[in-house]
Amino acid sequence: MLISPSVNAAMFAYRVAITPDAMQGRVQSATGMLAMGLNPAGPLLGGALVELWGGHWAFAGFAGILAVTAIVASLSQGIRRMRPLEANAGQSPPPEPSEQ
């Protein structure tokens, strides 16, 4: 759990670096909406699992979910193929969308 802020900061920085300037607001808005929309699910799911399984098993269940998520992320081809930020430095920005 203590690594979460640094991982969030790294992912946010990468997302900002690869997103065209014209799309920054839209991408951040969509990401924030998704994250904030899912926030209530954590305590709800946690409380339900503690009620059903007890504290120790609920904790073990969440640890298992985090472990599976870490393994899936480590094996993900999308993450493995992420372009280094230096590769984006020489690219020209995409054309601005036309206002119609």
C-alpha atoms as a PDB file:
ATOM      1  CA  MET A   1       0.000   0.000   0.000  1.00  0.00           C
ATOM      2  CA  LEU A   2       2.853   2.399   0.694  1.00  0.00           C
ATOM      3  CA  ILE A   3       4.086   2.197  -2.891  1.00  0.00           C
ATOM      4  CA  SER A   4       0.758   3.368  -4.304  1.00  0.00           C
ATOM      5  CA  PRO A   5       1.489   7.145  -4.254  1.00  0.00           C
ATOM      6  CA  SER A   6       4.780   6.740  -6.103  1.00  0.00           C
ATOM      7  CA  VAL A   7       3.219   4.403  -8.670  1.00  0.00           C
ATOM      8  CA  ASN A   8       0.333   6.844  -9.159  1.00  0.00           C
ATOM      9  CA  ALA A   9       2.781   9.709  -9.641  1.00  0.00           C
ATOM     10  CA  ALA A  10       4.823   7.746 -12.179  1.00  0.00           C
ATOM     11  CA  MET A  11       1.750   6.677 -14.157  1.00  0.00           C
ATOM     12  CA  PHE A  12       0.343  10.212 -14.073  1.00  0.00           C
ATOM     13  CA  ALA A  13       3.634  11.661 -15.322  1.00  0.00           C
ATOM     14  CA  TYR A  14       3.826   9.107 -18.131  1.00  0.00           C
ATOM     15  CA  ARG A  15       0.208   9.733 -19.145  1.00  0.00           C
ATOM     16  CA  VAL A  16       0.797  13.496 -19.235  1.00  0.00           C
ATOM     17  CA  ALA A  17       4.000  13.046 -21.241  1.00  0.00           C
ATOM     18  CA  ILE A  18       2.420  10.901 -23.969  1.00  0.00           C
ATOM     19  CA  THR A  19      -0.941  12.684 -24.220  1.00  0.00           C
ATOM     20  CA  PRO A  20      -1.128  15.486 -26.804  1.00  0.00           C
ATOM     21  CA  ASP A  21      -1.684  18.925 -25.275  1.00  0.00           C
ATOM     22  CA  ALA A  22      -5.088  19.289 -26.929  1.00  0.00           C
ATOM     23  CA  MET A  23      -6.288  16.097 -25.219  1.00  0.00           C
ATOM     24  CA  GLN A  24      -4.852  16.672 -21.707  1.00  0.00           C
ATOM     25  CA  GLY A  25      -8.124  17.879 -20.186  1.00  0.00           C
ATOM     26  CA  ARG A  26     -10.204  15.114 -21.710  1.00  0.00           C
ATOM     27  CA  VAL A  27      -7.810  12.359 -20.675  1.00  0.00           C
ATOM     28  CA  GLN A  28      -7.462  13.687 -17.130  1.00  0.00           C
ATOM     29  CA  SER A  29     -11.227  14.167 -16.844  1.00  0.00           C
ATOM     30  CA  ALA A  30     -11.962  10.611 -17.991  1.00  0.00           C
ATOM     31  CA  THR A  31      -9.306   9.147 -15.702  1.00  0.00           C
ATOM     32  CA  GLY A  32     -10.493  11.163 -12.718  1.00  0.00           C
ATOM     33  CA  MET A  33     -14.133  10.304 -13.353  1.00  0.00           C
ATOM     34  CA  LEU A  34     -13.334   6.599 -13.494  1.00  0.00           C
ATOM     35  CA  ALA A  35     -11.180   6.712 -10.357  1.00  0.00           C
ATOM     36  CA  MET A  36     -13.661   8.761  -8.349  1.00  0.00           C
ATOM     37  CA  GLY A  37     -16.567   6.652  -9.552  1.00  0.00           C
ATOM     38  CA  LEU A  38     -14.888   3.479  -8.306  1.00  0.00           C
ATOM     39  CA  ASN A  39     -13.851   4.928  -4.914  1.00  0.00           C
ATOM     40  CA  PRO A  40     -17.019   3.849  -3.065  1.00  0.00           C
ATOM     41  CA  ALA A  41     -16.588   0.256  -4.238  1.00  0.00           C
ATOM     42  CA  GLY A  42     -13.487  -0.323  -2.078  1.00  0.00           C
ATOM     43  CA  PRO A  43     -15.032   0.112   1.374  1.00  0.00           C
ATOM     44  CA  LEU A  44     -18.237  -1.559   0.226  1.00  0.00           C
ATOM     45  CA  LEU A  45     -16.400  -4.634  -1.057  1.00  0.00           C
ATOM     46  CA  GLY A  46     -14.046  -4.650   1.927  1.00  0.00           C
ATOM     47  CA  GLY A  47     -16.905  -4.516   4.422  1.00  0.00           C
ATOM     48  CA  ALA A  48     -18.794  -7.266   2.613  1.00  0.00           C
ATOM     49  CA  LEU A  49     -15.745  -9.537   2.565  1.00  0.00           C
ATOM     50  CA  VAL A  50     -14.971  -8.931   6.251  1.00  0.00           C
ATOM     51  CA  GLU A  51     -18.581  -9.746   7.073  1.00  0.00           C
ATOM     52  CA  LEU A  52     -18.543 -12.931   4.983  1.00  0.00           C
ATOM     53  CA  TRP A  53     -15.021 -14.255   5.555  1.00  0.00           C
ATOM     54  CA  GLY A  54     -13.702 -12.502   8.641  1.00  0.00           C
ATOM     55  CA  GLY A  55     -10.828 -10.046   8.841  1.00  0.00           C
ATOM     56  CA  HIS A  56      -7.900 -12.387   8.221  1.00  0.00           C
ATOM     57  CA  TRP A  57      -9.405 -14.050   5.151  1.00  0.00           C
ATOM     58  CA  ALA A  58     -10.637 -10.747   3.716  1.00  0.00           C
ATOM     59  CA  PHE A  59      -7.120  -9.325   4.066  1.00  0.00           C
ATOM     60  CA  ALA A  60      -5.687 -12.426   2.398  1.00  0.00           C
ATOM     61  CA  GLY A  61      -8.260 -12.104  -0.390  1.00  0.00           C
ATOM     62  CA  PHE A  62      -7.274  -8.498  -1.100  1.00  0.00           C
ATOM     63  CA  ALA A  63      -3.586  -9.454  -0.957  1.00  0.00           C
ATOM     64  CA  GLY A  64      -4.326 -12.153  -3.538  1.00  0.00           C
ATOM     65  CA  ILE A  65      -6.129  -9.646  -5.765  1.00  0.00           C
ATOM     66  CA  LEU A  66      -3.145  -7.283  -5.566  1.00  0.00           C
ATOM     67  CA  ALA A  67      -0.735 -10.131  -6.338  1.00  0.00           C
ATOM     68  CA  VAL A  68      -2.746 -11.222  -9.386  1.00  0.00           C
ATOM     69  CA  THR A  69      -2.970  -7.604 -10.560  1.00  0.00           C
ATOM     70  CA  ALA A  70       0.802  -7.205 -10.220  1.00  0.00           C
ATOM     71  CA  ILE A  71       1.441 -10.403 -12.179  1.00  0.00           C
ATOM     72  CA  VAL A  72      -1.001  -9.432 -14.934  1.00  0.00           C
ATOM     73  CA  ALA A  73       0.568  -5.975 -15.177  1.00  0.00           C
ATOM     74  CA  SER A  74       4.064  -7.485 -15.304  1.00  0.00           C
ATOM     75  CA  LEU A  75       3.079  -9.826 -18.125  1.00  0.00           C
ATOM     76  CA  SER A  76       1.027  -7.249 -20.036  1.00  0.00           C
ATOM     77  CA  GLN A  77       2.317  -6.643 -23.547  1.00  0.00           C
ATOM     78  CA  GLY A  78       0.834  -3.139 -23.476  1.00  0.00           C
ATOM     79  CA  ILE A  79       2.971  -2.170 -20.502  1.00  0.00           C
ATOM     80  CA  ARG A  80       6.038  -3.914 -21.887  1.00  0.00           C
ATOM     81  CA  ARG A  81       5.702  -2.016 -25.177  1.00  0.00           C
ATOM     82  CA  MET A  82       5.348   1.430 -23.588  1.00  0.00           C
ATOM     83  CA  ARG A  83       7.506   3.914 -25.417  1.00  0.00           C
ATOM     84  CA  PRO A  84      10.261   5.571 -23.402  1.00  0.00           C
ATOM     85  CA  LEU A  85       9.564   9.244 -22.794  1.00  0.00           C
ATOM     86  CA  GLU A  86      12.659  10.139 -24.818  1.00  0.00           C
ATOM     87  CA  ALA A  87      10.980   8.609 -27.888  1.00  0.00           C
ATOM     88  CA  ASN A  88       8.185  11.171 -27.595  1.00  0.00           C
ATOM     89  CA  ALA A  89      10.513  14.168 -27.335  1.00  0.00           C
ATOM     90  CA  GLY A  90      11.267  14.384 -31.061  1.00  0.00           C
ATOM     91  CA  GLN A  91       7.697  13.989 -32.268  1.00  0.00           C
ATOM     92  CA  SER A  92       5.767  16.939 -33.581  1.00  0.00           C
ATOM     93  CA  PRO A  93       2.389  17.500 -31.948  1.00  0.00           C
ATOM     94  CA  PRO A  94      -0.684  16.246 -33.774  1.00  0.00           C
ATOM     95  CA  PRO A  95      -2.781  18.816 -35.632  1.00  0.00           C
ATOM     96  CA  GLU A  96      -5.430  20.609 -33.591  1.00  0.00           C
ATOM     97  CA  PRO A  97      -8.986  19.377 -34.165  1.00  0.00           C
ATOM     98  CA  SER A  98     -10.943  21.712 -36.379  1.00  0.00           C
ATOM     99  CA  GLU A  99     -13.821  23.616 -34.813  1.00  0.00           C
ATOM    100  CA  GLN A 100     -17.002  23.021 -36.836  1.00  0.00           C
END
